[in-house]
Amino acid sequence: VNYLSGRFIDSKESSGRKTALVIGLVINIAILGI
């Protein structure tokens, strides 16, 4: 999850970067929360 999120975050499209960051953070926090 973090590898794919990081690669998308590294893209030059600002909207896509933020979305990838949010998705990655949500999945990480969800794993910890569950």
PDB file of all heavy atoms in Angstrom:
ATOM      1  N   VAL A   1       0.834  -1.209   0.000  1.00  0.00           N
ATOM      2  CA  VAL A   1       0.000   0.000   0.000  1.00  0.00           C
ATOM      3  C   VAL A   1       0.863   1.252   0.000  1.00  0.00           C
ATOM      4  O   VAL A   1       0.629   2.199  -0.774  1.00  0.00           O
ATOM      5  CB  VAL A   1      -0.941  -0.003   1.220  1.00  0.00           C
ATOM      6  CG1 VAL A   1      -1.598   1.374   1.411  1.00  0.00           C
ATOM      7  CG2 VAL A   1      -2.003  -1.076   1.077  1.00  0.00           C
ATOM      8  N   ASN A   2       1.880   1.279   0.837  1.00  0.00           N
ATOM      9  CA  ASN A   2       2.724   2.466   0.933  1.00  0.00           C
ATOM     10  C   ASN A   2       3.617   2.641  -0.287  1.00  0.00           C
ATOM     11  O   ASN A   2       3.912   3.773  -0.688  1.00  0.00           O
ATOM     12  CB  ASN A   2       3.559   2.394   2.219  1.00  0.00           C
ATOM     13  CG  ASN A   2       2.730   2.620   3.458  1.00  0.00           C
ATOM     14  OD1 ASN A   2       2.292   3.713   3.743  1.00  0.00           O
ATOM     15  ND2 ASN A   2       2.473   1.540   4.197  1.00  0.00           N
ATOM     16  N   TYR A   3       4.030   1.543  -0.873  1.00  0.00           N
ATOM     17  CA  TYR A   3       4.833   1.644  -2.100  1.00  0.00           C
ATOM     18  C   TYR A   3       4.014   2.273  -3.223  1.00  0.00           C
ATOM     19  O   TYR A   3       4.464   3.216  -3.888  1.00  0.00           O
ATOM     20  CB  TYR A   3       5.328   0.258  -2.513  1.00  0.00           C
ATOM     21  CG  TYR A   3       6.092   0.266  -3.816  1.00  0.00           C
ATOM     22  CD1 TYR A   3       7.403   0.725  -3.876  1.00  0.00           C
ATOM     23  CD2 TYR A   3       5.498  -0.188  -4.998  1.00  0.00           C
ATOM     24  CE1 TYR A   3       8.102   0.739  -5.076  1.00  0.00           C
ATOM     25  CE2 TYR A   3       6.185  -0.177  -6.194  1.00  0.00           C
ATOM     26  CZ  TYR A   3       7.483   0.285  -6.225  1.00  0.00           C
ATOM     27  OH  TYR A   3       8.175   0.305  -7.418  1.00  0.00           O
ATOM     28  N   LEU A   4       2.796   1.772  -3.439  1.00  0.00           N
ATOM     29  CA  LEU A   4       1.941   2.307  -4.502  1.00  0.00           C
ATOM     30  C   LEU A   4       1.534   3.748  -4.203  1.00  0.00           C
ATOM     31  O   LEU A   4       1.546   4.608  -5.101  1.00  0.00           O
ATOM     32  CB  LEU A   4       0.703   1.423  -4.662  1.00  0.00           C
ATOM     33  CG  LEU A   4       0.963  -0.003  -5.144  1.00  0.00           C
ATOM     34  CD1 LEU A   4      -0.336  -0.815  -5.146  1.00  0.00           C
ATOM     35  CD2 LEU A   4       1.581  -0.010  -6.546  1.00  0.00           C
ATOM     36  N   SER A   5       1.185   4.032  -2.951  1.00  0.00           N
ATOM     37  CA  SER A   5       0.808   5.399  -2.587  1.00  0.00           C
ATOM     38  C   SER A   5       1.972   6.359  -2.810  1.00  0.00           C
ATOM     39  O   SER A   5       1.791   7.470  -3.331  1.00  0.00           O
ATOM     40  CB  SER A   5       0.360   5.454  -1.127  1.00  0.00           C
ATOM     41  OG  SER A   5      -0.783   4.666  -0.905  1.00  0.00           O
ATOM     42  N   GLY A   6       3.161   5.933  -2.422  1.00  0.00           N
ATOM     43  CA  GLY A   6       4.334   6.780  -2.609  1.00  0.00           C
ATOM     44  C   GLY A   6       4.613   7.073  -4.068  1.00  0.00           C
ATOM     45  O   GLY A   6       4.964   8.206  -4.432  1.00  0.00           O
ATOM     46  N   ARG A   7       4.444   6.081  -4.927  1.00  0.00           N
ATOM     47  CA  ARG A   7       4.686   6.297  -6.363  1.00  0.00           C
ATOM     48  C   ARG A   7       3.674   7.273  -6.942  1.00  0.00           C
ATOM     49  O   ARG A   7       4.008   8.127  -7.767  1.00  0.00           O
ATOM     50  CB  ARG A   7       4.640   4.962  -7.111  1.00  0.00           C
ATOM     51  CG  ARG A   7       5.752   3.980  -6.768  1.00  0.00           C
ATOM     52  CD  ARG A   7       7.135   4.583  -6.971  1.00  0.00           C
ATOM     53  NE  ARG A   7       7.375   4.967  -8.353  1.00  0.00           N
ATOM     54  CZ  ARG A   7       7.942   4.181  -9.275  1.00  0.00           C
ATOM     55  NH1 ARG A   7       8.316   2.952  -8.930  1.00  0.00           N
ATOM     56  NH2 ARG A   7       8.138   4.609 -10.500  1.00  0.00           N
ATOM     57  N   PHE A   8       2.400   7.171  -6.516  1.00  0.00           N
ATOM     58  CA  PHE A   8       1.385   8.110  -6.998  1.00  0.00           C
ATOM     59  C   PHE A   8       1.620   9.513  -6.431  1.00  0.00           C
ATOM     60  O   PHE A   8       1.417  10.518  -7.123  1.00  0.00           O
ATOM     61  CB  PHE A   8      -0.017   7.628  -6.626  1.00  0.00           C
ATOM     62  CG  PHE A   8      -0.555   6.568  -7.545  1.00  0.00           C
ATOM     63  CD1 PHE A   8      -0.712   5.252  -7.115  1.00  0.00           C
ATOM     64  CD2 PHE A   8      -0.901   6.875  -8.857  1.00  0.00           C
ATOM     65  CE1 PHE A   8      -1.200   4.276  -7.962  1.00  0.00           C
ATOM     66  CE2 PHE A   8      -1.400   5.902  -9.714  1.00  0.00           C
ATOM     67  CZ  PHE A   8      -1.552   4.597  -9.271  1.00  0.00           C
ATOM     68  N   ILE A   9       2.044   9.582  -5.156  1.00  0.00           N
ATOM     69  CA  ILE A   9       2.327  10.884  -4.551  1.00  0.00           C
ATOM     70  C   ILE A   9       3.460  11.579  -5.297  1.00  0.00           C
ATOM     71  O   ILE A   9       3.474  12.813  -5.422  1.00  0.00           O
ATOM     72  CB  ILE A   9       2.681  10.712  -3.057  1.00  0.00           C
ATOM     73  CG1 ILE A   9       1.446  10.298  -2.261  1.00  0.00           C
ATOM     74  CG2 ILE A   9       3.261  12.000  -2.472  1.00  0.00           C
ATOM     75  CD1 ILE A   9       1.744   9.890  -0.836  1.00  0.00           C
ATOM     76  N   ASP A  10       4.389  10.821  -5.812  1.00  0.00           N
ATOM     77  CA  ASP A  10       5.544  11.381  -6.514  1.00  0.00           C
ATOM     78  C   ASP A  10       5.187  11.937  -7.889  1.00  0.00           C
ATOM     79  O   ASP A  10       6.017  12.585  -8.525  1.00  0.00           O
ATOM     80  CB  ASP A  10       6.624  10.301  -6.665  1.00  0.00           C
ATOM     81  CG  ASP A  10       7.955  10.887  -7.115  1.00  0.00           C
ATOM     82  OD1 ASP A  10       8.393  11.878  -6.501  1.00  0.00           O
ATOM     83  OD2 ASP A  10       8.551  10.360  -8.066  1.00  0.00           O
ATOM     84  N   SER A  11       3.956  11.694  -8.336  1.00  0.00           N
ATOM     85  CA  SER A  11       3.539  12.216  -9.646  1.00  0.00           C
ATOM     86  C   SER A  11       3.420  13.733  -9.589  1.00  0.00           C
ATOM     87  O   SER A  11       3.330  14.329  -8.525  1.00  0.00           O
ATOM     88  CB  SER A  11       2.198  11.603 -10.059  1.00  0.00           C
ATOM     89  OG  SER A  11       1.173  12.029  -9.176  1.00  0.00           O
ATOM     90  N   LYS A  12       3.394  14.381 -10.725  1.00  0.00           N
ATOM     91  CA  LYS A  12       3.416  15.837 -10.783  1.00  0.00           C
ATOM     92  C   LYS A  12       2.035  16.456 -10.679  1.00  0.00           C
ATOM     93  O   LYS A  12       1.893  17.658 -10.557  1.00  0.00           O
ATOM     94  CB  LYS A  12       4.072  16.293 -12.084  1.00  0.00           C
ATOM     95  CG  LYS A  12       5.514  15.852 -12.191  1.00  0.00           C
ATOM     96  CD  LYS A  12       6.160  16.464 -13.400  1.00  0.00           C
ATOM     97  CE  LYS A  12       7.505  15.901 -13.622  1.00  0.00           C
ATOM     98  NZ  LYS A  12       8.611  16.030 -13.202  1.00  0.00           N
ATOM     99  N   GLU A  13       0.967  15.671 -10.769  1.00  0.00           N
ATOM    100  CA  GLU A  13      -0.387  16.215 -10.685  1.00  0.00           C
ATOM    101  C   GLU A  13      -0.745  16.467  -9.225  1.00  0.00           C
ATOM    102  O   GLU A  13      -0.819  15.543  -8.419  1.00  0.00           O
ATOM    103  CB  GLU A  13      -1.398  15.241 -11.301  1.00  0.00           C
ATOM    104  CG  GLU A  13      -1.158  14.968 -12.782  1.00  0.00           C
ATOM    105  CD  GLU A  13      -2.176  13.987 -13.338  1.00  0.00           C
ATOM    106  OE1 GLU A  13      -3.137  13.684 -12.614  1.00  0.00           O
ATOM    107  OE2 GLU A  13      -1.975  13.533 -14.472  1.00  0.00           O
ATOM    108  N   SER A  14      -0.984  17.716  -8.886  1.00  0.00           N
ATOM    109  CA  SER A  14      -1.196  18.086  -7.486  1.00  0.00           C
ATOM    110  C   SER A  14      -2.432  17.416  -6.896  1.00  0.00           C
ATOM    111  O   SER A  14      -2.409  16.943  -5.754  1.00  0.00           O
ATOM    112  CB  SER A  14      -1.316  19.607  -7.357  1.00  0.00           C
ATOM    113  OG  SER A  14      -2.381  20.078  -8.162  1.00  0.00           O
ATOM    114  N   SER A  15      -3.539  17.345  -7.640  1.00  0.00           N
ATOM    115  CA  SER A  15      -4.750  16.722  -7.113  1.00  0.00           C
ATOM    116  C   SER A  15      -4.551  15.232  -6.867  1.00  0.00           C
ATOM    117  O   SER A  15      -4.973  14.684  -5.861  1.00  0.00           O
ATOM    118  CB  SER A  15      -5.921  16.946  -8.077  1.00  0.00           C
ATOM    119  OG  SER A  15      -5.623  16.381  -9.351  1.00  0.00           O
ATOM    120  N   GLY A  16      -3.885  14.573  -7.791  1.00  0.00           N
ATOM    121  CA  GLY A  16      -3.629  13.147  -7.635  1.00  0.00           C
ATOM    122  C   GLY A  16      -2.700  12.849  -6.484  1.00  0.00           C
ATOM    123  O   GLY A  16      -2.855  11.848  -5.780  1.00  0.00           O
ATOM    124  N   ARG A  17      -1.742  13.727  -6.225  1.00  0.00           N
ATOM    125  CA  ARG A  17      -0.801  13.542  -5.121  1.00  0.00           C
ATOM    126  C   ARG A  17      -1.539  13.559  -3.783  1.00  0.00           C
ATOM    127  O   ARG A  17      -1.302  12.711  -2.927  1.00  0.00           O
ATOM    128  CB  ARG A  17       0.266  14.631  -5.126  1.00  0.00           C
ATOM    129  CG  ARG A  17       1.212  14.591  -6.321  1.00  0.00           C
ATOM    130  CD  ARG A  17       2.251  15.695  -6.245  1.00  0.00           C
ATOM    131  NE  ARG A  17       3.195  15.415  -5.188  1.00  0.00           N
ATOM    132  CZ  ARG A  17       3.369  16.168  -4.099  1.00  0.00           C
ATOM    133  NH1 ARG A  17       2.612  17.239  -3.920  1.00  0.00           N
ATOM    134  NH2 ARG A  17       4.268  15.845  -3.197  1.00  0.00           N
ATOM    135  N   LYS A  18      -2.419  14.528  -3.626  1.00  0.00           N
ATOM    136  CA  LYS A  18      -3.133  14.648  -2.363  1.00  0.00           C
ATOM    137  C   LYS A  18      -4.071  13.478  -2.144  1.00  0.00           C
ATOM    138  O   LYS A  18      -4.183  12.951  -1.029  1.00  0.00           O
ATOM    139  CB  LYS A  18      -3.915  15.963  -2.336  1.00  0.00           C
ATOM    140  CG  LYS A  18      -4.439  16.330  -0.965  1.00  0.00           C
ATOM    141  CD  LYS A  18      -4.930  17.763  -0.935  1.00  0.00           C
ATOM    142  CE  LYS A  18      -5.288  18.171   0.484  1.00  0.00           C
ATOM    143  NZ  LYS A  18      -5.723  19.581   0.552  1.00  0.00           N
ATOM    144  N   THR A  19      -4.733  13.038  -3.205  1.00  0.00           N
ATOM    145  CA  THR A  19      -5.629  11.882  -3.099  1.00  0.00           C
ATOM    146  C   THR A  19      -4.871  10.630  -2.701  1.00  0.00           C
ATOM    147  O   THR A  19      -5.312   9.858  -1.839  1.00  0.00           O
ATOM    148  CB  THR A  19      -6.360  11.648  -4.438  1.00  0.00           C
ATOM    149  OG1 THR A  19      -7.094  12.825  -4.782  1.00  0.00           O
ATOM    150  CG2 THR A  19      -7.298  10.466  -4.337  1.00  0.00           C
ATOM    151  N   ALA A  20      -3.706  10.425  -3.326  1.00  0.00           N
ATOM    152  CA  ALA A  20      -2.879   9.255  -2.999  1.00  0.00           C
ATOM    153  C   ALA A  20      -2.414   9.308  -1.551  1.00  0.00           C
ATOM    154  O   ALA A  20      -2.368   8.278  -0.857  1.00  0.00           O
ATOM    155  CB  ALA A  20      -1.682   9.185  -3.944  1.00  0.00           C
ATOM    156  N   LEU A  21      -2.061  10.512  -1.069  1.00  0.00           N
ATOM    157  CA  LEU A  21      -1.638  10.653   0.324  1.00  0.00           C
ATOM    158  C   LEU A  21      -2.785  10.291   1.263  1.00  0.00           C
ATOM    159  O   LEU A  21      -2.597   9.526   2.218  1.00  0.00           O
ATOM    160  CB  LEU A  21      -1.177  12.085   0.583  1.00  0.00           C
ATOM    161  CG  LEU A  21      -0.875  12.426   2.048  1.00  0.00           C
ATOM    162  CD1 LEU A  21       0.325  11.635   2.539  1.00  0.00           C
ATOM    163  CD2 LEU A  21      -0.648  13.929   2.227  1.00  0.00           C
ATOM    164  N   VAL A  22      -3.966  10.829   0.995  1.00  0.00           N
ATOM    165  CA  VAL A  22      -5.123  10.578   1.863  1.00  0.00           C
ATOM    166  C   VAL A  22      -5.459   9.090   1.885  1.00  0.00           C
ATOM    167  O   VAL A  22      -5.699   8.501   2.951  1.00  0.00           O
ATOM    168  CB  VAL A  22      -6.337  11.407   1.397  1.00  0.00           C
ATOM    169  CG1 VAL A  22      -7.596  10.977   2.144  1.00  0.00           C
ATOM    170  CG2 VAL A  22      -6.073  12.888   1.604  1.00  0.00           C
ATOM    171  N   ILE A  23      -5.476   8.452   0.711  1.00  0.00           N
ATOM    172  CA  ILE A  23      -5.792   7.020   0.648  1.00  0.00           C
ATOM    173  C   ILE A  23      -4.766   6.211   1.435  1.00  0.00           C
ATOM    174  O   ILE A  23      -5.115   5.313   2.222  1.00  0.00           O
ATOM    175  CB  ILE A  23      -5.855   6.543  -0.813  1.00  0.00           C
ATOM    176  CG1 ILE A  23      -7.066   7.170  -1.515  1.00  0.00           C
ATOM    177  CG2 ILE A  23      -5.925   5.018  -0.891  1.00  0.00           C
ATOM    178  CD1 ILE A  23      -7.109   6.893  -3.004  1.00  0.00           C
ATOM    179  N   GLY A  24      -3.471   6.533   1.243  1.00  0.00           N
ATOM    180  CA  GLY A  24      -2.427   5.811   1.970  1.00  0.00           C
ATOM    181  C   GLY A  24      -2.550   5.982   3.471  1.00  0.00           C
ATOM    182  O   GLY A  24      -2.430   5.010   4.236  1.00  0.00           O
ATOM    183  N   LEU A  25      -2.798   7.220   3.921  1.00  0.00           N
ATOM    184  CA  LEU A  25      -2.929   7.473   5.361  1.00  0.00           C
ATOM    185  C   LEU A  25      -4.156   6.780   5.935  1.00  0.00           C
ATOM    186  O   LEU A  25      -4.093   6.209   7.039  1.00  0.00           O
ATOM    187  CB  LEU A  25      -3.013   8.983   5.618  1.00  0.00           C
ATOM    188  CG  LEU A  25      -1.752   9.800   5.338  1.00  0.00           C
ATOM    189  CD1 LEU A  25      -2.007  11.276   5.601  1.00  0.00           C
ATOM    190  CD2 LEU A  25      -0.575   9.304   6.164  1.00  0.00           C
ATOM    191  N   VAL A  26      -5.262   6.826   5.213  1.00  0.00           N
ATOM    192  CA  VAL A  26      -6.494   6.192   5.696  1.00  0.00           C
ATOM    193  C   VAL A  26      -6.295   4.689   5.861  1.00  0.00           C
ATOM    194  O   VAL A  26      -6.708   4.089   6.869  1.00  0.00           O
ATOM    195  CB  VAL A  26      -7.666   6.482   4.744  1.00  0.00           C
ATOM    196  CG1 VAL A  26      -8.857   5.578   5.055  1.00  0.00           C
ATOM    197  CG2 VAL A  26      -8.078   7.941   4.837  1.00  0.00           C
ATOM    198  N   ILE A  27      -5.645   4.052   4.899  1.00  0.00           N
ATOM    199  CA  ILE A  27      -5.427   2.595   4.986  1.00  0.00           C
ATOM    200  C   ILE A  27      -4.501   2.267   6.153  1.00  0.00           C
ATOM    201  O   ILE A  27      -4.741   1.321   6.921  1.00  0.00           O
ATOM    202  CB  ILE A  27      -4.860   2.052   3.660  1.00  0.00           C
ATOM    203  CG1 ILE A  27      -5.914   2.189   2.550  1.00  0.00           C
ATOM    204  CG2 ILE A  27      -4.449   0.592   3.814  1.00  0.00           C
ATOM    205  CD1 ILE A  27      -5.423   1.783   1.175  1.00  0.00           C
ATOM    206  N   ASN A  28      -3.433   3.038   6.315  1.00  0.00           N
ATOM    207  CA  ASN A  28      -2.513   2.795   7.431  1.00  0.00           C
ATOM    208  C   ASN A  28      -3.211   2.956   8.774  1.00  0.00           C
ATOM    209  O   ASN A  28      -3.071   2.104   9.663  1.00  0.00           O
ATOM    210  CB  ASN A  28      -1.328   3.765   7.348  1.00  0.00           C
ATOM    211  CG  ASN A  28      -0.250   3.304   6.395  1.00  0.00           C
ATOM    212  OD1 ASN A  28       0.378   2.284   6.599  1.00  0.00           O
ATOM    213  ND2 ASN A  28      -0.041   4.063   5.326  1.00  0.00           N
ATOM    214  N   ILE A  29      -3.949   4.045   8.935  1.00  0.00           N
ATOM    215  CA  ILE A  29      -4.649   4.293  10.203  1.00  0.00           C
ATOM    216  C   ILE A  29      -5.742   3.252  10.428  1.00  0.00           C
ATOM    217  O   ILE A  29      -5.974   2.817  11.569  1.00  0.00           O
ATOM    218  CB  ILE A  29      -5.222   5.721  10.211  1.00  0.00           C
ATOM    219  CG1 ILE A  29      -4.077   6.736  10.202  1.00  0.00           C
ATOM    220  CG2 ILE A  29      -6.115   5.938  11.428  1.00  0.00           C
ATOM    221  CD1 ILE A  29      -4.511   8.164  10.002  1.00  0.00           C
ATOM    222  N   ALA A  30      -6.401   2.813   9.336  1.00  0.00           N
ATOM    223  CA  ALA A  30      -7.434   1.784   9.469  1.00  0.00           C
ATOM    224  C   ALA A  30      -6.836   0.461   9.941  1.00  0.00           C
ATOM    225  O   ALA A  30      -7.419  -0.231  10.789  1.00  0.00           O
ATOM    226  CB  ALA A  30      -8.152   1.594   8.133  1.00  0.00           C
ATOM    227  N   ILE A  31      -5.682   0.105   9.399  1.00  0.00           N
ATOM    228  CA  ILE A  31      -5.011  -1.129   9.830  1.00  0.00           C
ATOM    229  C   ILE A  31      -4.703  -1.053  11.326  1.00  0.00           C
ATOM    230  O   ILE A  31      -4.972  -1.992  12.093  1.00  0.00           O
ATOM    231  CB  ILE A  31      -3.721  -1.351   9.019  1.00  0.00           C
ATOM    232  CG1 ILE A  31      -4.051  -1.707   7.566  1.00  0.00           C
ATOM    233  CG2 ILE A  31      -2.873  -2.459   9.646  1.00  0.00           C
ATOM    234  CD1 ILE A  31      -2.840  -1.751   6.661  1.00  0.00           C
ATOM    235  N   LEU A  32      -4.135   0.076  11.747  1.00  0.00           N
ATOM    236  CA  LEU A  32      -3.811   0.246  13.170  1.00  0.00           C
ATOM    237  C   LEU A  32      -5.079   0.238  14.016  1.00  0.00           C
ATOM    238  O   LEU A  32      -5.126  -0.393  15.081  1.00  0.00           O
ATOM    239  CB  LEU A  32      -3.048   1.556  13.363  1.00  0.00           C
ATOM    240  CG  LEU A  32      -2.529   1.854  14.769  1.00  0.00           C
ATOM    241  CD1 LEU A  32      -1.534   0.788  15.213  1.00  0.00           C
ATOM    242  CD2 LEU A  32      -1.881   3.237  14.822  1.00  0.00           C
ATOM    243  N   GLY A  33      -6.127   0.925  13.537  1.00  0.00           N
ATOM    244  CA  GLY A  33      -7.373   1.008  14.297  1.00  0.00           C
ATOM    245  C   GLY A  33      -8.054  -0.338  14.457  1.00  0.00           C
ATOM    246  O   GLY A  33      -8.529  -0.675  15.543  1.00  0.00           O
ATOM    247  N   ILE A  34      -8.101  -1.126  13.389  1.00  0.00           N
ATOM    248  CA  ILE A  34      -8.782  -2.421  13.442  1.00  0.00           C
ATOM    249  C   ILE A  34      -8.064  -3.376  14.382  1.00  0.00           C
ATOM    250  O   ILE A  34      -8.677  -4.016  15.247  1.00  0.00           O
ATOM    251  CB  ILE A  34      -8.900  -3.021  12.035  1.00  0.00           C
ATOM    252  CG1 ILE A  34      -9.880  -2.195  11.190  1.00  0.00           C
ATOM    253  CG2 ILE A  34      -9.343  -4.479  12.096  1.00  0.00           C
ATOM    254  CD1 ILE A  34      -9.884  -2.563   9.721  1.00  0.00           C
TER     255      ILE A  34
END
